[in-house]
Amino acid sequence: MIKIEYFHNPVCPYCPAAKRLLTKVIEGLNDIKLIDVNTYTEEGITRGTSLNLMAVPAIAINGVVKLTGWPFEAEDLLAYIDEAREK
């Protein structure tokens, strides 16, 4: 199972577009567990800090930040998902 953490916050103007792209990319993939992390919550702040995250939107795959900021492409996400499958 590949764990994808999607870091976002309610005031980020780019986070909704990132979420739409992420949702589209992982649709139909059965080996993905998606976790939404709101960085405006105590839990989200703690998790983001543990990964030295400084910006949103951000995506961590299996506990490693792979994408930070916007824009990124579907191909970028798929490449990191494929990389995680190979490990």
Protein backbone atom coordinates (compact mmCIF):
# COMPACT_ATOMS: atom_id res chain seq x y z
CA MET A 1 0.00 0.00 0.00
CA ILE A 2 1.32 3.44 -0.97
CA LYS A 3 0.53 6.22 1.50
CA ILE A 4 0.04 9.65 -0.06
CA GLU A 5 -0.26 12.61 2.27
CA TYR A 6 -1.79 15.71 0.73
CA PHE A 7 -0.85 18.85 2.70
CA HIS A 8 -3.12 21.86 2.29
CA ASN A 9 -4.75 24.73 4.12
CA PRO A 10 -7.99 26.66 3.67
CA VAL A 11 -6.38 29.94 2.56
CA CYS A 12 -4.11 28.48 -0.12
CA PRO A 13 -5.36 29.56 -3.57
CA TYR A 14 -3.55 26.66 -5.29
CA CYS A 15 -4.57 23.80 -3.01
CA PRO A 16 -7.97 23.10 -4.63
CA ALA A 17 -6.37 22.66 -8.07
CA ALA A 18 -3.70 20.39 -6.60
CA LYS A 19 -6.36 18.28 -4.88
CA ARG A 20 -8.36 17.95 -8.11
CA LEU A 21 -5.27 16.78 -9.99
CA LEU A 22 -4.27 14.36 -7.24
CA THR A 23 -7.78 12.91 -7.06
CA LYS A 24 -7.88 12.46 -10.82
CA VAL A 25 -4.46 10.76 -10.91
CA ILE A 26 -5.19 8.25 -8.15
CA GLU A 27 -8.75 7.48 -9.24
CA GLY A 28 -9.01 3.74 -9.77
CA LEU A 29 -5.65 2.93 -8.16
CA ASN A 30 -6.35 0.35 -5.49
CA ASP A 31 -2.93 0.43 -3.83
CA ILE A 32 -3.16 4.08 -2.68
CA LYS A 33 -4.15 5.35 0.75
CA LEU A 34 -4.79 9.11 0.62
CA ILE A 35 -4.48 11.15 3.80
CA ASP A 36 -5.58 14.80 3.84
CA VAL A 37 -3.43 16.92 6.15
CA ASN A 38 -4.77 20.37 6.94
CA THR A 39 -1.82 22.49 8.01
CA TYR A 40 -4.15 24.83 9.90
CA THR A 41 -4.74 22.19 12.54
CA GLU A 42 -2.50 21.18 15.45
CA GLU A 43 -2.10 17.70 13.96
CA GLY A 44 -1.32 19.12 10.52
CA ILE A 45 1.25 21.54 11.90
CA THR A 46 2.95 18.73 13.80
CA ARG A 47 3.04 16.44 10.77
CA GLY A 48 4.23 19.17 8.41
CA THR A 49 6.95 20.22 10.83
CA SER A 50 8.14 16.63 11.15
CA LEU A 51 8.79 16.66 7.39
CA ASN A 52 10.29 20.18 7.38
CA LEU A 53 7.45 21.28 5.14
CA MET A 54 7.47 25.00 4.41
CA ALA A 55 4.77 25.42 1.72
CA VAL A 56 1.50 24.03 0.46
CA PRO A 57 0.19 22.35 -1.53
CA ALA A 58 2.58 19.51 -0.90
CA ILE A 59 2.55 15.78 -1.42
CA ALA A 60 4.47 13.20 0.55
CA ILE A 61 4.64 9.62 -0.61
CA ASN A 62 5.44 6.99 2.00
CA GLY A 63 6.64 9.68 4.38
CA VAL A 64 8.91 11.56 1.96
CA VAL A 65 7.97 14.96 0.55
CA LYS A 66 8.03 14.67 -3.24
CA LEU A 67 6.18 17.75 -4.46
CA THR A 68 5.92 21.20 -2.89
CA GLY A 69 4.16 24.21 -4.35
CA TRP A 70 2.14 24.56 -7.50
CA PRO A 71 2.09 23.78 -10.36
CA PHE A 72 2.98 20.16 -10.81
CA GLU A 73 1.78 17.74 -13.45
CA ALA A 74 0.00 14.40 -13.45
CA GLU A 75 3.16 12.87 -14.92
CA ASP A 76 5.13 14.04 -11.88
CA LEU A 77 2.70 12.31 -9.52
CA LEU A 78 2.60 9.13 -11.56
CA ALA A 79 6.40 8.97 -11.67
CA TYR A 80 6.63 9.19 -7.88
CA ILE A 81 3.86 6.62 -7.44
CA ASP A 82 5.68 4.25 -9.80
CA GLU A 83 8.93 4.87 -7.89
CA ALA A 84 7.16 3.93 -4.63
CA ARG A 85 5.84 0.73 -6.20
CA GLU A 86 9.36 -0.33 -7.15
CA LYS A 87 10.57 -0.13 -3.55
